[in-house]
């Protein structure tokens, strides 16, 4: 089983075939609590589908691992920031 199938399951994922993480040990993207995320984020840094990966993780509520170059904590902050922007647009609009 490849990393993409392991992470995303069996679904339409043509963009995922271009991911830098193809062939990389999945454990790198799911470090133990307190362990460094630097290596995983480095794999993500130049990935052409990084934004797709991040959007997938945000849309599906991924709570573990590095997705789109962001940790769980960073994705949580991103979700909150987006929610605040959406709320302000509703109030303003």
N, C-alpha and C. Protein backbone atom coordinates (compact mmCIF):
# COMPACT_ATOMS: atom_id res chain seq x y z
N UNK A 1 0.86 -1.18 0.00
CA UNK A 1 0.00 0.00 0.00
C UNK A 1 0.90 1.24 0.00
N UNK A 2 0.58 2.22 -0.84
CA UNK A 2 1.39 3.44 -0.88
C UNK A 2 0.93 4.43 0.19
N UNK A 3 1.74 5.44 0.42
CA UNK A 3 1.45 6.44 1.46
C UNK A 3 0.13 7.15 1.21
N UNK A 4 -0.13 7.50 -0.02
CA UNK A 4 -1.35 8.24 -0.35
C UNK A 4 -2.59 7.40 -0.02
N UNK A 5 -2.57 6.14 -0.38
CA UNK A 5 -3.71 5.27 -0.06
C UNK A 5 -3.85 5.12 1.44
N UNK A 6 -2.73 4.97 2.12
CA UNK A 6 -2.76 4.84 3.57
C UNK A 6 -3.36 6.09 4.21
N UNK A 7 -2.94 7.27 3.75
CA UNK A 7 -3.40 8.52 4.35
C UNK A 7 -4.80 8.91 3.92
N UNK A 8 -5.13 8.72 2.66
CA UNK A 8 -6.38 9.26 2.13
C UNK A 8 -7.45 8.21 1.87
N UNK A 9 -7.11 6.94 1.89
CA UNK A 9 -8.07 5.90 1.57
C UNK A 9 -8.25 5.80 0.06
N UNK A 10 -9.12 4.92 -0.35
CA UNK A 10 -9.34 4.71 -1.79
C UNK A 10 -10.45 5.63 -2.26
N UNK A 11 -10.08 6.66 -3.00
CA UNK A 11 -11.02 7.63 -3.53
C UNK A 11 -10.35 8.36 -4.69
N UNK A 12 -11.07 9.22 -5.35
CA UNK A 12 -10.49 10.02 -6.42
C UNK A 12 -9.42 10.91 -5.82
N UNK A 13 -8.23 10.76 -6.33
CA UNK A 13 -7.13 11.52 -5.77
C UNK A 13 -6.03 11.73 -6.80
N UNK A 14 -6.39 12.13 -7.98
CA UNK A 14 -5.39 12.29 -9.03
C UNK A 14 -4.30 13.28 -8.64
N UNK A 15 -4.63 14.32 -7.89
CA UNK A 15 -3.62 15.29 -7.48
C UNK A 15 -2.59 14.67 -6.54
N UNK A 16 -2.99 13.66 -5.79
CA UNK A 16 -2.11 13.07 -4.80
C UNK A 16 -0.95 12.30 -5.42
N UNK A 17 -1.12 11.86 -6.66
CA UNK A 17 -0.04 11.14 -7.33
C UNK A 17 1.18 12.02 -7.56
N UNK A 18 1.01 13.33 -7.49
CA UNK A 18 2.10 14.27 -7.69
C UNK A 18 2.77 14.68 -6.38
N UNK A 19 2.31 14.15 -5.27
CA UNK A 19 2.80 14.57 -3.95
C UNK A 19 4.25 14.16 -3.71
N UNK A 20 4.99 15.04 -3.06
CA UNK A 20 6.38 14.75 -2.70
C UNK A 20 6.49 13.57 -1.75
N UNK A 21 5.44 13.29 -1.01
CA UNK A 21 5.50 12.24 0.01
C UNK A 21 5.36 10.84 -0.57
N UNK A 22 5.10 10.72 -1.85
CA UNK A 22 5.00 9.39 -2.46
C UNK A 22 6.30 8.64 -2.23
N UNK A 23 6.20 7.46 -1.63
CA UNK A 23 7.37 6.64 -1.40
C UNK A 23 8.12 6.96 -0.11
N UNK A 24 7.66 7.96 0.63
CA UNK A 24 8.29 8.33 1.90
C UNK A 24 7.61 7.55 3.03
N UNK A 25 8.37 7.16 4.02
CA UNK A 25 7.83 6.42 5.16
C UNK A 25 6.71 7.22 5.83
N UNK A 26 5.51 6.69 5.92
CA UNK A 26 4.38 7.41 6.52
C UNK A 26 4.63 7.83 7.97
N UNK A 27 5.46 7.09 8.69
CA UNK A 27 5.74 7.43 10.08
C UNK A 27 6.36 8.82 10.20
N UNK A 28 7.04 9.27 9.15
CA UNK A 28 7.64 10.60 9.17
C UNK A 28 6.58 11.67 9.37
N UNK A 29 5.38 11.45 8.83
CA UNK A 29 4.30 12.43 8.87
C UNK A 29 3.41 12.30 10.10
N UNK A 30 3.69 11.30 10.92
CA UNK A 30 2.94 11.08 12.15
C UNK A 30 3.92 10.89 13.31
N UNK A 31 4.67 11.94 13.64
CA UNK A 31 5.68 11.81 14.69
C UNK A 31 5.05 11.63 16.07
N UNK A 32 5.80 11.02 16.95
CA UNK A 32 5.36 10.88 18.34
C UNK A 32 5.17 12.26 18.94
N UNK A 33 4.31 12.35 19.93
CA UNK A 33 4.05 13.63 20.61
C UNK A 33 5.37 14.23 21.10
N UNK A 34 5.59 15.48 20.76
CA UNK A 34 6.80 16.18 21.17
C UNK A 34 7.99 15.99 20.25
N UNK A 35 7.88 15.06 19.29
CA UNK A 35 8.98 14.83 18.34
C UNK A 35 8.97 15.91 17.27
N UNK A 36 10.08 16.07 16.61
CA UNK A 36 10.23 17.10 15.58
C UNK A 36 9.36 16.80 14.35
N UNK A 37 8.82 17.86 13.79
CA UNK A 37 8.04 17.76 12.55
C UNK A 37 8.84 18.32 11.38
N UNK A 38 10.05 18.75 11.65
CA UNK A 38 10.87 19.45 10.66
C UNK A 38 11.07 18.65 9.37
N UNK A 39 11.42 17.37 9.48
CA UNK A 39 11.68 16.57 8.29
C UNK A 39 10.43 16.42 7.43
N UNK A 40 9.30 16.17 8.05
CA UNK A 40 8.05 16.03 7.30
C UNK A 40 7.70 17.33 6.60
N UNK A 41 7.83 18.43 7.30
CA UNK A 41 7.52 19.73 6.71
C UNK A 41 8.47 20.07 5.58
N UNK A 42 9.69 19.59 5.68
CA UNK A 42 10.66 19.81 4.60
C UNK A 42 10.23 19.08 3.33
N UNK A 43 9.69 17.87 3.48
CA UNK A 43 9.17 17.13 2.33
C UNK A 43 8.03 17.92 1.69
N UNK A 44 7.20 18.53 2.51
CA UNK A 44 6.04 19.29 2.03
C UNK A 44 6.43 20.63 1.40
N UNK A 45 7.52 21.20 1.84
CA UNK A 45 7.87 22.57 1.47
C UNK A 45 7.77 22.86 -0.03
N UNK A 46 8.35 22.05 -0.86
CA UNK A 46 8.33 22.32 -2.29
C UNK A 46 7.30 21.53 -3.07
N UNK A 47 6.36 20.93 -2.39
CA UNK A 47 5.38 20.05 -3.04
C UNK A 47 4.38 20.86 -3.86
N UNK A 48 4.17 20.43 -5.09
CA UNK A 48 3.26 21.16 -5.98
C UNK A 48 1.79 20.99 -5.60
N UNK A 49 1.47 19.98 -4.80
CA UNK A 49 0.08 19.76 -4.39
C UNK A 49 -0.12 20.04 -2.90
N UNK A 50 0.79 20.79 -2.32
CA UNK A 50 0.71 21.10 -0.89
C UNK A 50 -0.63 21.74 -0.51
N UNK A 51 -1.08 22.70 -1.31
CA UNK A 51 -2.36 23.36 -1.00
C UNK A 51 -3.53 22.39 -1.07
N UNK A 52 -3.51 21.49 -2.05
CA UNK A 52 -4.58 20.48 -2.15
C UNK A 52 -4.58 19.60 -0.91
N UNK A 53 -3.40 19.20 -0.47
CA UNK A 53 -3.27 18.34 0.70
C UNK A 53 -3.81 19.05 1.95
N UNK A 54 -3.44 20.30 2.12
CA UNK A 54 -3.92 21.06 3.26
C UNK A 54 -5.43 21.21 3.22
N UNK A 55 -5.98 21.54 2.07
CA UNK A 55 -7.43 21.69 1.95
C UNK A 55 -8.15 20.38 2.23
N UNK A 56 -7.57 19.26 1.78
CA UNK A 56 -8.15 17.96 2.07
C UNK A 56 -8.20 17.74 3.58
N UNK A 57 -7.09 18.01 4.26
CA UNK A 57 -7.01 17.80 5.70
C UNK A 57 -8.00 18.69 6.45
N UNK A 58 -8.11 19.93 6.03
CA UNK A 58 -9.04 20.85 6.68
C UNK A 58 -10.49 20.43 6.44
N UNK A 59 -10.80 20.05 5.22
CA UNK A 59 -12.16 19.65 4.87
C UNK A 59 -12.59 18.36 5.56
N UNK A 60 -11.62 17.50 5.84
CA UNK A 60 -11.94 16.20 6.43
C UNK A 60 -11.61 16.11 7.91
N UNK A 61 -11.23 17.22 8.49
CA UNK A 61 -10.99 17.26 9.93
C UNK A 61 -9.86 16.36 10.41
N UNK A 62 -8.82 16.24 9.59
CA UNK A 62 -7.67 15.42 10.00
C UNK A 62 -7.08 15.99 11.28
N UNK A 63 -6.98 15.15 12.29
CA UNK A 63 -6.51 15.63 13.59
C UNK A 63 -5.09 15.20 13.90
N UNK A 64 -4.52 14.34 13.10
CA UNK A 64 -3.20 13.83 13.39
C UNK A 64 -2.30 13.98 12.17
N UNK A 65 -1.04 14.15 12.42
CA UNK A 65 -0.05 14.14 11.35
C UNK A 65 0.19 15.49 10.70
N UNK A 66 1.14 15.47 9.80
CA UNK A 66 1.50 16.65 9.02
C UNK A 66 0.77 16.53 7.67
N UNK A 67 0.01 17.54 7.36
CA UNK A 67 -0.75 17.60 6.11
C UNK A 67 -0.53 18.97 5.49
N UNK A 68 -0.16 19.01 4.23
CA UNK A 68 0.04 20.30 3.57
C UNK A 68 1.08 21.16 4.28
N UNK A 69 2.00 20.51 4.94
CA UNK A 69 3.06 21.24 5.62
C UNK A 69 2.68 21.80 6.97
N UNK A 70 1.52 21.43 7.49
CA UNK A 70 1.07 21.96 8.78
C UNK A 70 0.81 20.84 9.78
N UNK A 71 1.12 21.14 11.03
CA UNK A 71 0.84 20.21 12.12
C UNK A 71 -0.63 20.32 12.53
N UNK A 72 -1.04 19.45 13.41
CA UNK A 72 -2.41 19.49 13.92
C UNK A 72 -2.71 20.86 14.55
N UNK A 73 -1.81 21.35 15.34
CA UNK A 73 -2.00 22.65 16.01
C UNK A 73 -2.11 23.78 14.98
N UNK A 74 -1.25 23.75 13.97
CA UNK A 74 -1.28 24.79 12.94
C UNK A 74 -2.58 24.75 12.13
N UNK A 75 -3.06 23.54 11.85
CA UNK A 75 -4.34 23.41 11.12
C UNK A 75 -5.50 23.91 11.96
N UNK A 76 -5.44 23.65 13.26
CA UNK A 76 -6.49 24.15 14.16
C UNK A 76 -6.54 25.67 14.12
N UNK A 77 -5.37 26.30 14.18
CA UNK A 77 -5.31 27.76 14.09
C UNK A 77 -5.86 28.25 12.75
N UNK A 78 -5.51 27.55 11.68
CA UNK A 78 -5.98 27.93 10.35
C UNK A 78 -7.50 27.83 10.26
N UNK A 79 -8.07 26.76 10.81
CA UNK A 79 -9.54 26.62 10.80
C UNK A 79 -10.20 27.75 11.57
N UNK A 80 -9.64 28.08 12.73
CA UNK A 80 -10.20 29.19 13.52
C UNK A 80 -10.10 30.50 12.76
N UNK A 81 -8.97 30.75 12.14
CA UNK A 81 -8.78 32.01 11.39
C UNK A 81 -9.79 32.08 10.24
N UNK A 82 -9.97 30.98 9.54
CA UNK A 82 -10.93 30.97 8.43
C UNK A 82 -12.35 31.19 8.93
N UNK A 83 -12.69 30.60 10.06
CA UNK A 83 -14.02 30.78 10.64
C UNK A 83 -14.25 32.24 10.99
N UNK A 84 -13.25 32.88 11.55
CA UNK A 84 -13.39 34.29 11.92
C UNK A 84 -13.56 35.17 10.68
N UNK A 85 -12.84 34.85 9.60
CA UNK A 85 -12.99 35.61 8.35
C UNK A 85 -14.39 35.42 7.80
N UNK A 86 -14.88 34.18 7.80
CA UNK A 86 -16.23 33.92 7.30
C UNK A 86 -17.28 34.66 8.12
N UNK A 87 -17.12 34.67 9.42
CA UNK A 87 -18.07 35.38 10.28
C UNK A 87 -18.06 36.86 10.01
N UNK A 88 -16.88 37.43 9.84
CA UNK A 88 -16.79 38.87 9.58
C UNK A 88 -17.38 39.22 8.20
N UNK A 89 -17.26 38.30 7.24
CA UNK A 89 -17.85 38.54 5.92
C UNK A 89 -19.38 38.51 6.00
N UNK A 90 -19.92 37.63 6.84
CA UNK A 90 -21.36 37.54 7.00
C UNK A 90 -21.88 38.81 7.65
N UNK A 91 -21.19 39.27 8.67
CA UNK A 91 -21.59 40.49 9.38
C UNK A 91 -21.49 41.70 8.45
N UNK A 92 -20.43 41.77 7.67
CA UNK A 92 -20.20 42.91 6.77
C UNK A 92 -21.11 42.86 5.54
N UNK A 93 -21.49 41.65 5.13
CA UNK A 93 -22.20 41.49 3.87
C UNK A 93 -23.64 41.58 3.97
